[in-house]
Amino acid sequence: MLTRMRKPSVGKRLAGKRSAGITFTRCEKRMRIGRFMVLSSGLKRAGRAVMATVVALAVCTSLMACGTSDGLDAQQANIDLSDVHENKQLAAMVSPEVSHDGVLTVGSNATWAPAEFTGEDNETVIGFDIDIIKAVAKVLGLKVKVVDSAFATIIPSVGSKFDVGISGFTITAEREKAVTFVQHYSAGMSYAVRAGNPKNIDSDNLCGVRASVQVGTAEETALEDSSVACVKAGKPAIALQVYEQQTQATTALITGRSDVMYSDTPVSAYAVKQTKGKLELLDKPYDIAPQGIVVKKGDDKTAHAIQGALQELIDSGVYMRILKAWGVEDGAIDKAVINPKVD
């Protein structure tokens, strides 16, 4: 997935209550379509408990048995970074507080396939964001430690718990007040609905509609603003469902708890692909905006080192090779910029 949002016509945000993330067992968390979870608790009506279990097991068996690979682990392993070498000049630019232990500690929320998500062992974080930061670290002569963390906690923790953050962060003027960004990608925002759009969702009028979204994202902010506009126009607020994980937001749509999902285009498109006809994108992507690697505010040395490393990867073709391997080259940039100008 932020000001990559158009200022909504009546309907794209909500002042509804934020849903607390539901707690699931480990088995439930790994019942999924592709990398998007299918929860056995999806049908909550009285008398439907047995049916819910059957549905979850059927989906798990027919599309993606629990614990089996969807092929992306192998794909990630095949991305060749052997031609990426340390640039000692750039490595020397990294601030001592980051480089002292030789490890770049990265905060990421591993629920946004194909940008970042857990691999077949349910622990290793993979994705195109992860491959990019690994390549950047290699140029800087650093090893990488990726820490899977709640999305909303990453930016506040950069400079203390993490050296940097990468998790589909849209660069906004508000966020630039708190941290420094090095742009590494561009992405739009997209709505997804169940196949055939059974609820006849109109993206220009979401008043009264149940919409699922991940907490702390630009999409959440956009939906909140739209909901306010709905109320001011005398219409019902958007019934916003805010989840801790993107996978939970996707599951809510699949199981019918929500009518529309709002996320970054690569994430929504991947959900559509992996659910094999159960979901579809609504309208074309819009509000293309820059995404960036998060660096501690004031650590200009590290920010410039990362910028230089990323530009080297862009110029050498390694950057594009990574994006093509994941099928997300449409969001490629040709120049790494620190704190690009945004609205």
C-alpha atoms as a PDB file:
ATOM      1  CA  MET A   1       0.000   0.000   0.000  1.00  0.00           C
ATOM      2  CA  LEU A   2      -0.763   7.487   2.850  1.00  0.00           C
ATOM      3  CA  THR A   3      -1.104  10.348   0.561  1.00  0.00           C
ATOM      4  CA  ARG A   4      -1.232   8.136  -2.323  1.00  0.00           C
ATOM      5  CA  MET A   5      -4.857   8.610  -1.868  1.00  0.00           C
ATOM      6  CA  ARG A   6      -7.057  10.799  -3.916  1.00  0.00           C
ATOM      7  CA  LYS A   7      -9.150  13.143  -1.862  1.00  0.00           C
ATOM      8  CA  PRO A   8     -12.288  11.096  -1.760  1.00  0.00           C
ATOM      9  CA  SER A   9     -15.605  11.751  -3.244  1.00  0.00           C
ATOM     10  CA  VAL A  10     -18.209  10.859  -0.683  1.00  0.00           C
ATOM     11  CA  GLY A  11     -17.210   7.477   0.445  1.00  0.00           C
ATOM     12  CA  LYS A  12     -13.656   6.282   0.802  1.00  0.00           C
ATOM     13  CA  ARG A  13     -12.981   6.220   4.505  1.00  0.00           C
ATOM     14  CA  LEU A  14     -14.594   5.626   7.744  1.00  0.00           C
ATOM     15  CA  ALA A  15     -15.056   6.703  11.247  1.00  0.00           C
ATOM     16  CA  GLY A  16     -16.401   3.301  12.209  1.00  0.00           C
ATOM     17  CA  LYS A  17     -14.981   1.357  15.131  1.00  0.00           C
ATOM     18  CA  ARG A  18     -11.661  -0.319  14.524  1.00  0.00           C
ATOM     19  CA  SER A  19     -11.901  -4.078  14.734  1.00  0.00           C
ATOM     20  CA  ALA A  20      -9.395  -5.665  17.039  1.00  0.00           C
ATOM     21  CA  GLY A  21      -7.197  -8.264  15.387  1.00  0.00           C
ATOM     22  CA  ILE A  22      -8.693 -11.686  16.038  1.00  0.00           C
ATOM     23  CA  THR A  23      -6.455 -14.216  17.767  1.00  0.00           C
ATOM     24  CA  PHE A  24      -6.102 -17.497  15.918  1.00  0.00           C
ATOM     25  CA  THR A  25      -4.361 -20.766  16.612  1.00  0.00           C
ATOM     26  CA  ARG A  26      -1.176 -21.512  14.681  1.00  0.00           C
ATOM     27  CA  CYS A  27      -3.024 -24.047  12.545  1.00  0.00           C
ATOM     28  CA  GLU A  28      -5.755 -21.536  11.708  1.00  0.00           C
ATOM     29  CA  LYS A  29      -3.155 -18.941  10.798  1.00  0.00           C
ATOM     30  CA  ARG A  30      -1.634 -21.291   8.224  1.00  0.00           C
ATOM     31  CA  MET A  31      -4.846 -22.326   6.502  1.00  0.00           C
ATOM     32  CA  ARG A  32      -4.567 -20.058   3.494  1.00  0.00           C
ATOM     33  CA  ILE A  33      -5.216 -19.472  -0.147  1.00  0.00           C
ATOM     34  CA  GLY A  34      -1.746 -18.868  -1.507  1.00  0.00           C
ATOM     35  CA  ARG A  35      -0.247 -16.765   1.260  1.00  0.00           C
ATOM     36  CA  PHE A  36      -3.581 -15.313   2.326  1.00  0.00           C
ATOM     37  CA  MET A  37      -5.119 -17.071   5.288  1.00  0.00           C
ATOM     38  CA  VAL A  38      -8.466 -18.801   5.295  1.00  0.00           C
ATOM     39  CA  LEU A  39      -9.737 -18.900   8.847  1.00  0.00           C
ATOM     40  CA  SER A  40     -11.796 -21.817  10.072  1.00  0.00           C
ATOM     41  CA  SER A  41     -13.730 -19.283  12.119  1.00  0.00           C
ATOM     42  CA  GLY A  42     -14.840 -17.467   8.989  1.00  0.00           C
ATOM     43  CA  LEU A  43     -18.520 -18.410   9.275  1.00  0.00           C
ATOM     44  CA  LYS A  44     -19.795 -17.290  12.637  1.00  0.00           C
ATOM     45  CA  ARG A  45     -23.524 -17.758  12.407  1.00  0.00           C
ATOM     46  CA  ALA A  46     -25.104 -20.105  14.896  1.00  0.00           C
ATOM     47  CA  GLY A  47     -25.128 -23.674  13.727  1.00  0.00           C
ATOM     48  CA  ARG A  48     -22.441 -23.093  11.115  1.00  0.00           C
ATOM     49  CA  ALA A  49     -19.381 -24.165  13.112  1.00  0.00           C
ATOM     50  CA  VAL A  50     -19.099 -27.546  11.429  1.00  0.00           C
ATOM     51  CA  MET A  51     -19.620 -26.061   7.973  1.00  0.00           C
ATOM     52  CA  ALA A  52     -16.932 -23.454   8.661  1.00  0.00           C
ATOM     53  CA  THR A  53     -14.433 -26.162   9.475  1.00  0.00           C
ATOM     54  CA  VAL A  54     -15.355 -28.110   6.351  1.00  0.00           C
ATOM     55  CA  VAL A  55     -14.998 -25.023   4.164  1.00  0.00           C
ATOM     56  CA  ALA A  56     -11.593 -24.186   5.612  1.00  0.00           C
ATOM     57  CA  LEU A  57     -10.335 -27.725   5.176  1.00  0.00           C
ATOM     58  CA  ALA A  58     -11.701 -27.928   1.637  1.00  0.00           C
ATOM     59  CA  VAL A  59      -9.966 -24.730   0.615  1.00  0.00           C
ATOM     60  CA  CYS A  60      -6.756 -25.811   2.284  1.00  0.00           C
ATOM     61  CA  THR A  61      -6.859 -29.149   0.486  1.00  0.00           C
ATOM     62  CA  SER A  62      -7.962 -28.005  -2.978  1.00  0.00           C
ATOM     63  CA  LEU A  63      -5.857 -24.899  -3.369  1.00  0.00           C
ATOM     64  CA  MET A  64      -2.978 -24.849  -0.948  1.00  0.00           C
ATOM     65  CA  ALA A  65      -2.561 -27.576   1.615  1.00  0.00           C
ATOM     66  CA  CYS A  66      -1.378 -26.252   4.961  1.00  0.00           C
ATOM     67  CA  GLY A  67       2.375 -26.048   5.087  1.00  0.00           C
ATOM     68  CA  THR A  68       2.992 -26.757   1.402  1.00  0.00           C
ATOM     69  CA  SER A  69       4.814 -24.391  -0.923  1.00  0.00           C
ATOM     70  CA  ASP A  70       3.113 -22.094  -3.403  1.00  0.00           C
ATOM     71  CA  GLY A  71       6.342 -21.895  -5.364  1.00  0.00           C
ATOM     72  CA  LEU A  72       7.474 -18.511  -4.103  1.00  0.00           C
ATOM     73  CA  ASP A  73      10.041 -19.933  -1.706  1.00  0.00           C
ATOM     74  CA  ALA A  74      11.851 -21.547  -4.624  1.00  0.00           C
ATOM     75  CA  GLN A  75      11.437 -18.387  -6.669  1.00  0.00           C
ATOM     76  CA  GLN A  76      13.032 -16.316  -3.942  1.00  0.00           C
ATOM     77  CA  ALA A  77      15.896 -18.772  -3.608  1.00  0.00           C
ATOM     78  CA  ASN A  78      16.577 -18.488  -7.331  1.00  0.00           C
ATOM     79  CA  ILE A  79      17.169 -14.733  -7.282  1.00  0.00           C
ATOM     80  CA  ASP A  80      20.896 -14.553  -7.940  1.00  0.00           C
ATOM     81  CA  LEU A  81      22.719 -11.881  -5.974  1.00  0.00           C
ATOM     82  CA  SER A  82      26.174 -13.393  -6.520  1.00  0.00           C
ATOM     83  CA  ASP A  83      27.160 -10.469  -8.721  1.00  0.00           C
ATOM     84  CA  VAL A  84      26.418  -7.961  -5.959  1.00  0.00           C
ATOM     85  CA  HIS A  85      29.619  -6.934  -4.212  1.00  0.00           C
ATOM     86  CA  GLU A  86      30.554  -4.594  -1.410  1.00  0.00           C
ATOM     87  CA  ASN A  87      31.227  -0.999  -2.368  1.00  0.00           C
ATOM     88  CA  LYS A  88      33.765   0.000   0.255  1.00  0.00           C
ATOM     89  CA  GLN A  89      33.225   3.714  -0.339  1.00  0.00           C
ATOM     90  CA  LEU A  90      29.497   3.405   0.298  1.00  0.00           C
ATOM     91  CA  ALA A  91      30.071   1.001   3.182  1.00  0.00           C
ATOM     92  CA  ALA A  92      32.262   3.579   4.896  1.00  0.00           C
ATOM     93  CA  MET A  93      29.389   6.072   4.755  1.00  0.00           C
ATOM     94  CA  VAL A  94      27.115   4.031   7.039  1.00  0.00           C
ATOM     95  CA  SER A  95      26.895   5.548  10.507  1.00  0.00           C
ATOM     96  CA  PRO A  96      28.754   3.694  13.296  1.00  0.00           C
ATOM     97  CA  GLU A  97      25.525   3.093  15.230  1.00  0.00           C
ATOM     98  CA  VAL A  98      24.279   1.009  12.296  1.00  0.00           C
ATOM     99  CA  SER A  99      27.505  -0.625  11.119  1.00  0.00           C
ATOM    100  CA  HIS A 100      29.139  -1.428  14.461  1.00  0.00           C
ATOM    101  CA  ASP A 101      27.920  -5.042  14.594  1.00  0.00           C
ATOM    102  CA  GLY A 102      28.072  -5.704  10.844  1.00  0.00           C
ATOM    103  CA  VAL A 103      24.328  -6.419  10.744  1.00  0.00           C
ATOM    104  CA  LEU A 104      21.524  -4.360   9.259  1.00  0.00           C
ATOM    105  CA  THR A 105      18.503  -5.020  11.478  1.00  0.00           C
ATOM    106  CA  VAL A 106      15.345  -4.539   9.435  1.00  0.00           C
ATOM    107  CA  GLY A 107      11.808  -4.123  10.724  1.00  0.00           C
ATOM    108  CA  SER A 108       9.141  -5.535   8.396  1.00  0.00           C
ATOM    109  CA  ASN A 109       5.541  -6.712   8.652  1.00  0.00           C
ATOM    110  CA  ALA A 110       5.529 -10.086   6.922  1.00  0.00           C
ATOM    111  CA  THR A 111       1.889 -10.172   5.849  1.00  0.00           C
ATOM    112  CA  TRP A 112       2.013  -8.287   2.537  1.00  0.00           C
ATOM    113  CA  ALA A 113       2.784 -10.796  -0.199  1.00  0.00           C
ATOM    114  CA  PRO A 114       4.552 -10.407  -2.511  1.00  0.00           C
ATOM    115  CA  ALA A 115       6.424  -7.543  -0.813  1.00  0.00           C
ATOM    116  CA  GLU A 116       7.132  -9.321   2.458  1.00  0.00           C
ATOM    117  CA  PHE A 117       5.672 -12.491   3.920  1.00  0.00           C
ATOM    118  CA  THR A 118       6.798 -15.661   5.658  1.00  0.00           C
ATOM    119  CA  GLY A 119       8.282 -18.550   3.714  1.00  0.00           C
ATOM    120  CA  GLU A 120       7.487 -22.230   3.921  1.00  0.00           C
ATOM    121  CA  ASP A 121       9.000 -22.583   7.385  1.00  0.00           C
ATOM    122  CA  ASN A 122       6.503 -19.958   8.628  1.00  0.00           C
ATOM    123  CA  GLU A 123       9.413 -17.939   9.992  1.00  0.00           C
ATOM    124  CA  THR A 124      11.759 -16.813   7.194  1.00  0.00           C
ATOM    125  CA  VAL A 125      10.622 -13.500   5.728  1.00  0.00           C
ATOM    126  CA  ILE A 126      10.767 -13.305   1.928  1.00  0.00           C
ATOM    127  CA  GLY A 127       9.469 -10.997  -0.806  1.00  0.00           C
ATOM    128  CA  PHE A 128      10.677  -8.361  -3.237  1.00  0.00           C
ATOM    129  CA  ASP A 129      11.159  -5.752  -0.486  1.00  0.00           C
ATOM    130  CA  ILE A 130      13.309  -8.253   1.375  1.00  0.00           C
ATOM    131  CA  ASP A 131      15.429  -9.094  -1.669  1.00  0.00           C
ATOM    132  CA  ILE A 132      15.980  -5.392  -2.306  1.00  0.00           C
ATOM    133  CA  ILE A 133      17.130  -4.688   1.244  1.00  0.00           C
ATOM    134  CA  LYS A 134      19.362  -7.771   1.178  1.00  0.00           C
ATOM    135  CA  ALA A 135      21.015  -6.526  -1.999  1.00  0.00           C
ATOM    136  CA  VAL A 136      21.416  -3.041  -0.528  1.00  0.00           C
ATOM    137  CA  ALA A 137      23.014  -4.500   2.603  1.00  0.00           C
ATOM    138  CA  LYS A 138      25.389  -6.579   0.499  1.00  0.00           C
ATOM    139  CA  VAL A 139      26.609  -3.438  -1.284  1.00  0.00           C
ATOM    140  CA  LEU A 140      27.164  -1.899   2.135  1.00  0.00           C
ATOM    141  CA  GLY A 141      29.076  -4.929   3.421  1.00  0.00           C
ATOM    142  CA  LEU A 142      26.425  -5.807   5.998  1.00  0.00           C
ATOM    143  CA  LYS A 143      24.540  -8.945   6.871  1.00  0.00           C
ATOM    144  CA  VAL A 144      20.757  -8.718   7.230  1.00  0.00           C
ATOM    145  CA  LYS A 145      18.471  -9.614  10.115  1.00  0.00           C
ATOM    146  CA  VAL A 146      14.771  -9.206   9.306  1.00  0.00           C
ATOM    147  CA  VAL A 147      12.460  -8.879  12.300  1.00  0.00           C
ATOM    148  CA  ASP A 148       8.785  -9.564  11.638  1.00  0.00           C
ATOM    149  CA  SER A 149       6.888  -6.852  13.513  1.00  0.00           C
ATOM    150  CA  ALA A 150       3.491  -5.201  13.738  1.00  0.00           C
ATOM    151  CA  PHE A 151       3.211  -2.677  10.906  1.00  0.00           C
ATOM    152  CA  ALA A 152       2.254   0.289  13.073  1.00  0.00           C
ATOM    153  CA  THR A 153       5.261  -0.213  15.387  1.00  0.00           C
ATOM    154  CA  ILE A 154       8.019  -0.226  12.764  1.00  0.00           C
ATOM    155  CA  ILE A 155       8.474   3.477  12.014  1.00  0.00           C
ATOM    156  CA  PRO A 156       8.514   4.471  15.722  1.00  0.00           C
ATOM    157  CA  SER A 157      11.129   1.764  16.362  1.00  0.00           C
ATOM    158  CA  VAL A 158      13.607   2.729  13.630  1.00  0.00           C
ATOM    159  CA  GLY A 159      16.738   4.023  15.324  1.00  0.00           C
ATOM    160  CA  SER A 160      16.144   1.987  18.475  1.00  0.00           C
ATOM    161  CA  LYS A 161      14.924  -1.554  17.814  1.00  0.00           C
ATOM    162  CA  PHE A 162      15.641  -1.455  14.055  1.00  0.00           C
ATOM    163  CA  ASP A 163      18.336   0.121  11.912  1.00  0.00           C
ATOM    164  CA  VAL A 164      15.884   0.545   9.031  1.00  0.00           C
ATOM    165  CA  GLY A 165      12.359  -0.430   8.089  1.00  0.00           C
ATOM    166  CA  ILE A 166      10.954  -1.764   4.833  1.00  0.00           C
ATOM    167  CA  SER A 167       7.320  -2.802   4.570  1.00  0.00           C
ATOM    168  CA  GLY A 168       5.563  -1.097   1.689  1.00  0.00           C
ATOM    169  CA  PHE A 169       5.719   2.275   3.449  1.00  0.00           C
ATOM    170  CA  THR A 170       4.172   4.984   1.313  1.00  0.00           C
ATOM    171  CA  ILE A 171       6.192   8.161   1.647  1.00  0.00           C
ATOM    172  CA  THR A 172       4.071  10.995   3.015  1.00  0.00           C
ATOM    173  CA  ALA A 173       4.859  14.508   4.168  1.00  0.00           C
ATOM    174  CA  GLU A 174       3.641  13.600   7.652  1.00  0.00           C
ATOM    175  CA  ARG A 175       5.914  10.573   7.874  1.00  0.00           C
ATOM    176  CA  GLU A 176       8.866  12.569   6.563  1.00  0.00           C
ATOM    177  CA  LYS A 177       8.588  14.733   9.678  1.00  0.00           C
ATOM    178  CA  ALA A 178       9.423  11.708  11.816  1.00  0.00           C
ATOM    179  CA  VAL A 179      11.863   9.664   9.700  1.00  0.00           C
ATOM    180  CA  THR A 180      13.945   9.793   6.540  1.00  0.00           C
ATOM    181  CA  PHE A 181      12.931   7.831   3.460  1.00  0.00           C
ATOM    182  CA  VAL A 182      14.952   6.465   0.562  1.00  0.00           C
ATOM    183  CA  GLN A 183      12.509   5.764  -2.252  1.00  0.00           C
ATOM    184  CA  HIS A 184      12.836   2.234  -3.637  1.00  0.00           C
ATOM    185  CA  TYR A 185       9.495   1.636  -5.396  1.00  0.00           C
ATOM    186  CA  SER A 186       6.233   3.213  -6.575  1.00  0.00           C
ATOM    187  CA  ALA A 187       2.807   1.707  -6.092  1.00  0.00           C
ATOM    188  CA  GLY A 188      -0.827   2.604  -6.492  1.00  0.00           C
ATOM    189  CA  MET A 189      -3.785   1.673  -4.354  1.00  0.00           C
ATOM    190  CA  SER A 190      -6.530  -0.743  -5.341  1.00  0.00           C
ATOM    191  CA  TYR A 191      -9.846  -2.066  -4.111  1.00  0.00           C
ATOM    192  CA  ALA A 192     -10.604  -5.770  -4.295  1.00  0.00           C
ATOM    193  CA  VAL A 193     -14.023  -7.419  -4.131  1.00  0.00           C
ATOM    194  CA  ARG A 194     -15.334 -10.941  -4.382  1.00  0.00           C
ATOM    195  CA  ALA A 195     -15.570 -12.244  -7.930  1.00  0.00           C
ATOM    196  CA  GLY A 196     -18.457 -10.718  -9.847  1.00  0.00           C
ATOM    197  CA  ASN A 197     -18.752  -7.884  -7.331  1.00  0.00           C
ATOM    198  CA  PRO A 198     -21.870  -9.426  -5.730  1.00  0.00           C
ATOM    199  CA  LYS A 199     -22.442  -6.382  -3.506  1.00  0.00           C
ATOM    200  CA  ASN A 200     -22.217  -3.986  -6.487  1.00  0.00           C
ATOM    201  CA  ILE A 201     -19.528  -1.950  -4.757  1.00  0.00           C
ATOM    202  CA  ASP A 202     -18.940   1.505  -6.216  1.00  0.00           C
ATOM    203  CA  SER A 203     -15.480   2.769  -5.281  1.00  0.00           C
ATOM    204  CA  ASP A 204     -16.748   6.345  -5.537  1.00  0.00           C
ATOM    205  CA  ASN A 205     -19.408   5.744  -2.895  1.00  0.00           C
ATOM    206  CA  LEU A 206     -18.466   3.467  -0.034  1.00  0.00           C
ATOM    207  CA  CYS A 207     -20.863   5.002   2.484  1.00  0.00           C
ATOM    208  CA  GLY A 208     -22.364   2.235   4.598  1.00  0.00           C
ATOM    209  CA  VAL A 209     -20.126  -0.410   3.002  1.00  0.00           C
ATOM    210  CA  ARG A 210     -18.095  -2.904   5.068  1.00  0.00           C
ATOM    211  CA  ALA A 211     -14.450  -2.298   4.177  1.00  0.00           C
ATOM    212  CA  SER A 212     -11.425  -4.238   5.462  1.00  0.00           C
ATOM    213  CA  VAL A 213      -7.978  -2.686   5.732  1.00  0.00           C
ATOM    214  CA  GLN A 214      -4.703  -3.095   7.622  1.00  0.00           C
ATOM    215  CA  VAL A 215      -4.037  -0.814  10.568  1.00  0.00           C
ATOM    216  CA  GLY A 216      -1.550   2.019  10.159  1.00  0.00           C
ATOM    217  CA  THR A 217      -1.690   2.125   6.360  1.00  0.00           C
ATOM    218  CA  ALA A 218      -2.436   4.990   4.024  1.00  0.00           C
ATOM    219  CA  GLU A 219      -5.499   3.070   2.970  1.00  0.00           C
ATOM    220  CA  GLU A 220      -6.839   3.163   6.518  1.00  0.00           C
ATOM    221  CA  THR A 221      -6.387   6.926   6.597  1.00  0.00           C
ATOM    222  CA  ALA A 222      -8.061   7.256   3.215  1.00  0.00           C
ATOM    223  CA  LEU A 223     -11.072   5.244   4.339  1.00  0.00           C
ATOM    224  CA  GLU A 224     -11.355   7.262   7.541  1.00  0.00           C
ATOM    225  CA  ASP A 225     -11.385  10.519   5.568  1.00  0.00           C
ATOM    226  CA  SER A 226     -13.989   9.153   3.188  1.00  0.00           C
ATOM    227  CA  SER A 227     -16.165   8.053   6.078  1.00  0.00           C
ATOM    228  CA  VAL A 228     -16.092  11.543   7.527  1.00  0.00           C
ATOM    229  CA  ALA A 229     -17.171  12.860   4.134  1.00  0.00           C
ATOM    230  CA  CYS A 230     -20.045  10.360   4.128  1.00  0.00           C
ATOM    231  CA  VAL A 231     -21.312  11.566   7.485  1.00  0.00           C
ATOM    232  CA  LYS A 232     -21.024  15.218   6.489  1.00  0.00           C
ATOM    233  CA  ALA A 233     -23.130  14.436   3.423  1.00  0.00           C
ATOM    234  CA  GLY A 234     -25.812  12.876   5.590  1.00  0.00           C
ATOM    235  CA  LYS A 235     -24.921   9.325   4.598  1.00  0.00           C
ATOM    236  CA  PRO A 236     -23.916   6.370   6.788  1.00  0.00           C
ATOM    237  CA  ALA A 237     -20.274   6.024   7.767  1.00  0.00           C
ATOM    238  CA  ILE A 238     -18.136   3.355   6.173  1.00  0.00           C
ATOM    239  CA  ALA A 239     -18.200   0.211   8.304  1.00  0.00           C
ATOM    240  CA  LEU A 240     -14.452   0.035   8.633  1.00  0.00           C
ATOM    241  CA  GLN A 241     -12.839  -3.215   9.684  1.00  0.00           C
ATOM    242  CA  VAL A 242      -9.237  -2.576  10.723  1.00  0.00           C
ATOM    243  CA  TYR A 243      -6.979  -5.594  11.128  1.00  0.00           C
ATOM    244  CA  GLU A 244      -3.504  -6.000  12.559  1.00  0.00           C
ATOM    245  CA  GLN A 245      -2.431  -8.052   9.532  1.00  0.00           C
ATOM    246  CA  GLN A 246      -3.140  -7.644   5.842  1.00  0.00           C
ATOM    247  CA  THR A 247      -3.848 -11.363   5.639  1.00  0.00           C
ATOM    248  CA  GLN A 248      -6.723 -10.898   8.066  1.00  0.00           C
ATOM    249  CA  ALA A 249      -8.155  -8.075   5.951  1.00  0.00           C
ATOM    250  CA  THR A 250      -7.982 -10.315   2.886  1.00  0.00           C
ATOM    251  CA  THR A 251      -9.594 -13.213   4.747  1.00  0.00           C
ATOM    252  CA  ALA A 252     -12.453 -10.954   5.844  1.00  0.00           C
ATOM    253  CA  LEU A 253     -13.212 -10.277   2.177  1.00  0.00           C
ATOM    254  CA  ILE A 254     -12.917 -13.912   1.110  1.00  0.00           C
ATOM    255  CA  THR A 255     -15.271 -15.110   3.848  1.00  0.00           C
ATOM    256  CA  GLY A 256     -17.817 -12.335   3.317  1.00  0.00           C
ATOM    257  CA  ARG A 257     -17.264 -10.470   6.562  1.00  0.00           C
ATOM    258  CA  SER A 258     -16.317  -7.421   4.491  1.00  0.00           C
ATOM    259  CA  ASP A 259     -17.584  -6.269   1.107  1.00  0.00           C
ATOM    260  CA  VAL A 260     -14.413  -4.615  -0.176  1.00  0.00           C
ATOM    261  CA  MET A 261     -10.724  -4.600   0.705  1.00  0.00           C
ATOM    262  CA  TYR A 262      -8.367  -1.678   0.253  1.00  0.00           C
ATOM    263  CA  SER A 263      -4.601  -2.172  -0.111  1.00  0.00           C
ATOM    264  CA  ASP A 264      -1.542  -1.389  -2.216  1.00  0.00           C
ATOM    265  CA  THR A 265      -1.985  -2.558  -5.800  1.00  0.00           C
ATOM    266  CA  PRO A 266       0.759  -5.243  -5.717  1.00  0.00           C
ATOM    267  CA  VAL A 267      -0.804  -6.729  -2.602  1.00  0.00           C
ATOM    268  CA  SER A 268      -4.371  -6.648  -3.912  1.00  0.00           C
ATOM    269  CA  ALA A 269      -3.292  -8.032  -7.287  1.00  0.00           C
ATOM    270  CA  TYR A 270      -1.381 -10.857  -5.622  1.00  0.00           C
ATOM    271  CA  ALA A 271      -4.421 -11.726  -3.499  1.00  0.00           C
ATOM    272  CA  VAL A 272      -6.526 -11.936  -6.661  1.00  0.00           C
ATOM    273  CA  LYS A 273      -3.961 -14.176  -8.325  1.00  0.00           C
ATOM    274  CA  GLN A 274      -3.552 -16.531  -5.396  1.00  0.00           C
ATOM    275  CA  THR A 275      -7.265 -16.943  -4.685  1.00  0.00           C
ATOM    276  CA  LYS A 276      -7.770 -18.338  -8.182  1.00  0.00           C
ATOM    277  CA  GLY A 277     -10.934 -16.532  -9.187  1.00  0.00           C
ATOM    278  CA  LYS A 278     -12.433 -15.856  -5.768  1.00  0.00           C
ATOM    279  CA  LEU A 279     -11.485 -12.169  -5.834  1.00  0.00           C
ATOM    280  CA  GLU A 280     -11.089  -9.459  -8.459  1.00  0.00           C
ATOM    281  CA  LEU A 281      -9.754  -5.912  -8.583  1.00  0.00           C
ATOM    282  CA  LEU A 282     -12.297  -3.109  -8.662  1.00  0.00           C
ATOM    283  CA  ASP A 283     -11.419  -0.376 -11.180  1.00  0.00           C
ATOM    284  CA  LYS A 284      -7.877   0.517 -12.195  1.00  0.00           C
ATOM    285  CA  PRO A 285      -5.129   1.411  -9.704  1.00  0.00           C
ATOM    286  CA  TYR A 286      -4.877   5.080  -8.852  1.00  0.00           C
ATOM    287  CA  ASP A 287      -2.868   7.497  -6.743  1.00  0.00           C
ATOM    288  CA  ILE A 288       0.565   6.141  -7.623  1.00  0.00           C
ATOM    289  CA  ALA A 289       2.905   7.160  -4.823  1.00  0.00           C
ATOM    290  CA  PRO A 290       6.506   6.524  -3.771  1.00  0.00           C
ATOM    291  CA  GLN A 291       7.407   3.858  -1.246  1.00  0.00           C
ATOM    292  CA  GLY A 292      10.591   3.938   0.735  1.00  0.00           C
ATOM    293  CA  ILE A 293      13.130   2.381   3.049  1.00  0.00           C
ATOM    294  CA  VAL A 294      12.848   4.012   6.483  1.00  0.00           C
ATOM    295  CA  VAL A 295      15.962   5.455   8.127  1.00  0.00           C
ATOM    296  CA  LYS A 296      16.276   7.218  11.464  1.00  0.00           C
ATOM    297  CA  LYS A 297      15.710  10.962  11.227  1.00  0.00           C
ATOM    298  CA  GLY A 298      19.075  12.725  11.331  1.00  0.00           C
ATOM    299  CA  ASP A 299      21.123   9.700  10.259  1.00  0.00           C
ATOM    300  CA  ASP A 300      22.061  11.302   6.954  1.00  0.00           C
ATOM    301  CA  LYS A 301      25.156   9.130   6.555  1.00  0.00           C
ATOM    302  CA  THR A 302      23.155   5.904   6.469  1.00  0.00           C
ATOM    303  CA  ALA A 303      20.445   7.423   4.312  1.00  0.00           C
ATOM    304  CA  HIS A 304      22.970   8.533   1.678  1.00  0.00           C
ATOM    305  CA  ALA A 305      24.762   5.170   1.853  1.00  0.00           C
ATOM    306  CA  ILE A 306      21.480   3.343   1.195  1.00  0.00           C
ATOM    307  CA  GLN A 307      20.620   5.763  -1.586  1.00  0.00           C
ATOM    308  CA  GLY A 308      23.989   5.122  -3.221  1.00  0.00           C
ATOM    309  CA  ALA A 309      23.685   1.356  -2.835  1.00  0.00           C
ATOM    310  CA  LEU A 310      20.182   1.311  -4.284  1.00  0.00           C
ATOM    311  CA  GLN A 311      21.221   3.465  -7.228  1.00  0.00           C
ATOM    312  CA  GLU A 312      24.099   1.096  -7.917  1.00  0.00           C
ATOM    313  CA  LEU A 313      21.632  -1.804  -7.981  1.00  0.00           C
ATOM    314  CA  ILE A 314      19.338   0.110 -10.323  1.00  0.00           C
ATOM    315  CA  ASP A 315      22.178   0.984 -12.692  1.00  0.00           C
ATOM    316  CA  SER A 316      23.559  -2.571 -12.721  1.00  0.00           C
ATOM    317  CA  GLY A 317      20.193  -4.171 -13.482  1.00  0.00           C
ATOM    318  CA  VAL A 318      20.059  -6.181 -10.239  1.00  0.00           C
ATOM    319  CA  TYR A 319      17.141  -4.111  -8.961  1.00  0.00           C
ATOM    320  CA  MET A 320      15.024  -4.812 -12.046  1.00  0.00           C
ATOM    321  CA  ARG A 321      15.984  -8.479 -11.937  1.00  0.00           C
ATOM    322  CA  ILE A 322      14.533  -8.708  -8.442  1.00  0.00           C
ATOM    323  CA  LEU A 323      11.301  -6.980  -9.399  1.00  0.00           C
ATOM    324  CA  LYS A 324      10.822  -9.108 -12.513  1.00  0.00           C
ATOM    325  CA  ALA A 325      11.352 -12.274 -10.496  1.00  0.00           C
ATOM    326  CA  TRP A 326       8.365 -11.283  -8.369  1.00  0.00           C
ATOM    327  CA  GLY A 327       6.324  -9.899 -11.265  1.00  0.00           C
ATOM    328  CA  VAL A 328       6.152  -6.376  -9.858  1.00  0.00           C
ATOM    329  CA  GLU A 329       8.342  -4.470 -12.305  1.00  0.00           C
ATOM    330  CA  ASP A 330       5.555  -1.980 -13.072  1.00  0.00           C
ATOM    331  CA  GLY A 331       6.518  -0.122  -9.908  1.00  0.00           C
ATOM    332  CA  ALA A 332      10.209   0.200 -10.762  1.00  0.00           C
ATOM    333  CA  ILE A 333      11.989   3.524 -10.334  1.00  0.00           C
ATOM    334  CA  ASP A 334      15.091   4.714 -12.166  1.00  0.00           C
ATOM    335  CA  LYS A 335      16.458   7.035  -9.495  1.00  0.00           C
ATOM    336  CA  ALA A 336      16.799   6.515  -5.759  1.00  0.00           C
ATOM    337  CA  VAL A 337      15.740   9.719  -4.006  1.00  0.00           C
ATOM    338  CA  ILE A 338      15.924  10.747  -0.372  1.00  0.00           C
ATOM    339  CA  ASN A 339      12.679  12.242   0.915  1.00  0.00           C
ATOM    340  CA  PRO A 340      11.023  12.865  -2.466  1.00  0.00           C
ATOM    341  CA  LYS A 341       8.603  15.774  -2.514  1.00  0.00           C
ATOM    342  CA  VAL A 342       5.104  14.576  -1.711  1.00  0.00           C
ATOM    343  CA  ASP A 343       1.820  16.261  -0.862  1.00  0.00           C
END
